[in-house]
C-alpha atoms as a PDB file:
ATOM      1  CA  MET A   1      -9.838  35.282  28.985  1.00  0.00           C
ATOM      2  CA  TRP A   2      -7.647  33.854  32.532  1.00  0.00           C
ATOM      3  CA  MET A   3     -10.562  31.885  32.953  1.00  0.00           C
ATOM      4  CA  ARG A   4     -10.574  30.143  29.393  1.00  0.00           C
ATOM      5  CA  MET A   5      -7.141  29.686  29.517  1.00  0.00           C
ATOM      6  CA  ARG A   6      -6.998  27.668  32.835  1.00  0.00           C
ATOM      7  CA  GLN A   7      -9.891  26.134  31.585  1.00  0.00           C
ATOM      8  CA  MET A   8      -7.841  24.333  28.733  1.00  0.00           C
ATOM      9  CA  ARG A   9      -4.902  23.904  30.365  1.00  0.00           C
ATOM     10  CA  ARG A  10      -6.743  21.378  32.986  1.00  0.00           C
ATOM     11  CA  ALA A  11      -8.622  19.836  29.409  1.00  0.00           C
ATOM     12  CA  TRP A  12      -5.063  19.547  28.070  1.00  0.00           C
ATOM     13  CA  LEU A  13      -3.860  17.772  31.828  1.00  0.00           C
ATOM     14  CA  ARG A  14      -6.930  15.745  31.619  1.00  0.00           C
ATOM     15  CA  LEU A  15      -5.878  13.940  28.664  1.00  0.00           C
ATOM     16  CA  ALA A  16      -2.164  13.661  29.764  1.00  0.00           C
ATOM     17  CA  ARG A  17      -2.769  11.830  31.718  1.00  0.00           C
ATOM     18  CA  THR A  18      -5.642   9.823  30.885  1.00  0.00           C
ATOM     19  CA  ASP A  19      -3.025   7.386  27.840  1.00  0.00           C
ATOM     20  CA  ALA A  20       0.099   5.899  29.933  1.00  0.00           C
ATOM     21  CA  GLY A  21       1.173   3.835  26.585  1.00  0.00           C
ATOM     22  CA  MET A  22       0.996   1.649  25.003  1.00  0.00           C
ATOM     23  CA  THR A  23      -0.422  -2.246  26.972  1.00  0.00           C
ATOM     24  CA  THR A  24       0.704  -5.895  25.889  1.00  0.00           C
ATOM     25  CA  SER A  25      -1.487  -6.419  23.792  1.00  0.00           C
ATOM     26  CA  GLU A  26      -0.785  -3.177  21.716  1.00  0.00           C
ATOM     27  CA  TYR A  27       2.875  -3.742  21.634  1.00  0.00           C
ATOM     28  CA  ALA A  28       1.927  -7.404  20.102  1.00  0.00           C
ATOM     29  CA  VAL A  29      -0.261  -6.398  17.173  1.00  0.00           C
ATOM     30  CA  GLY A  30       1.855  -4.180  16.838  1.00  0.00           C
ATOM     31  CA  THR A  31       5.167  -6.356  16.420  1.00  0.00           C
ATOM     32  CA  ILE A  32       3.068  -9.028  15.142  1.00  0.00           C
ATOM     33  CA  ALA A  33       1.874  -5.817  12.187  1.00  0.00           C
ATOM     34  CA  ALA A  34       5.449  -5.185  11.473  1.00  0.00           C
ATOM     35  CA  CYS A  35       6.501  -8.599  11.186  1.00  0.00           C
ATOM     36  CA  ALA A  36       4.471  -9.326   8.930  1.00  0.00           C
ATOM     37  CA  PHE A  37       4.605  -5.868   6.341  1.00  0.00           C
ATOM     38  CA  ALA A  38       8.600  -7.566   6.403  1.00  0.00           C
ATOM     39  CA  ALA A  39       7.921 -10.649   5.097  1.00  0.00           C
ATOM     40  CA  VAL A  40       6.036  -8.738   2.261  1.00  0.00           C
ATOM     41  CA  LEU A  41       8.611  -6.800   1.603  1.00  0.00           C
ATOM     42  CA  TYR A  42      10.982  -8.984   1.252  1.00  0.00           C
ATOM     43  CA  LYS A  43       8.748 -11.635  -0.653  1.00  0.00           C
ATOM     44  CA  VAL A  44       8.792  -8.294  -3.090  1.00  0.00           C
ATOM     45  CA  VAL A  45      11.962  -7.403  -2.990  1.00  0.00           C
ATOM     46  CA  THR A  46      13.460 -10.693  -3.634  1.00  0.00           C
ATOM     47  CA  SER A  47      11.222 -11.472  -6.590  1.00  0.00           C
ATOM     48  CA  GLY A  48      12.454 -12.429 -10.013  1.00  0.00           C
ATOM     49  CA  PRO A  49      11.305  -8.894 -11.850  1.00  0.00           C
ATOM     50  CA  VAL A  50      12.558  -6.870  -8.439  1.00  0.00           C
ATOM     51  CA  SER A  51      16.085  -8.559  -8.056  1.00  0.00           C
ATOM     52  CA  ASP A  52      16.132  -7.750 -11.544  1.00  0.00           C
ATOM     53  CA  ALA A  53      16.185  -4.257 -11.153  1.00  0.00           C
ATOM     54  CA  LEU A  54      18.148  -3.687  -8.381  1.00  0.00           C
ATOM     55  CA  GLU A  55      20.642  -6.248  -9.801  1.00  0.00           C
ATOM     56  CA  SER A  56      20.784  -3.710 -12.762  1.00  0.00           C
ATOM     57  CA  LEU A  57      20.241  -0.602 -11.318  1.00  0.00           C
ATOM     58  CA  ILE A  58      23.480  -1.448  -8.685  1.00  0.00           C
ATOM     59  CA  GLY A  59      25.197  -2.777 -11.290  1.00  0.00           C
ATOM     60  CA  LYS A  60      24.996   0.684 -13.342  1.00  0.00           C
ATOM     61  CA  ALA A  61      25.383   2.977 -10.029  1.00  0.00           C
ATOM     62  CA  LEU A  62      29.088   0.417  -9.094  1.00  0.00           C
ATOM     63  CA  GLY A  63      29.559   0.939 -13.256  1.00  0.00           C
ATOM     64  CA  ALA A  64      29.618   4.004 -13.612  1.00  0.00           C
ATOM     65  CA  GLN A  65      32.196   6.415 -14.824  1.00  0.00           C
ATOM     66  CA  PHE A  66      33.109   9.264 -13.649  1.00  0.00           C
END
């Protein structure tokens, strides 16, 4: 049992050492993907029907009687 635990620990340590983090190219691709997602989200939120729905929702929330 102890031998198996020792083997598992060694394997885990080997795996932990192999990945040092993202490289510059991975950061670049992640940044581009985040910007593209933000652009699509901006277009959706500023579109006519969604913008009208958000304005209506905010108007109702601010005009609520307590």
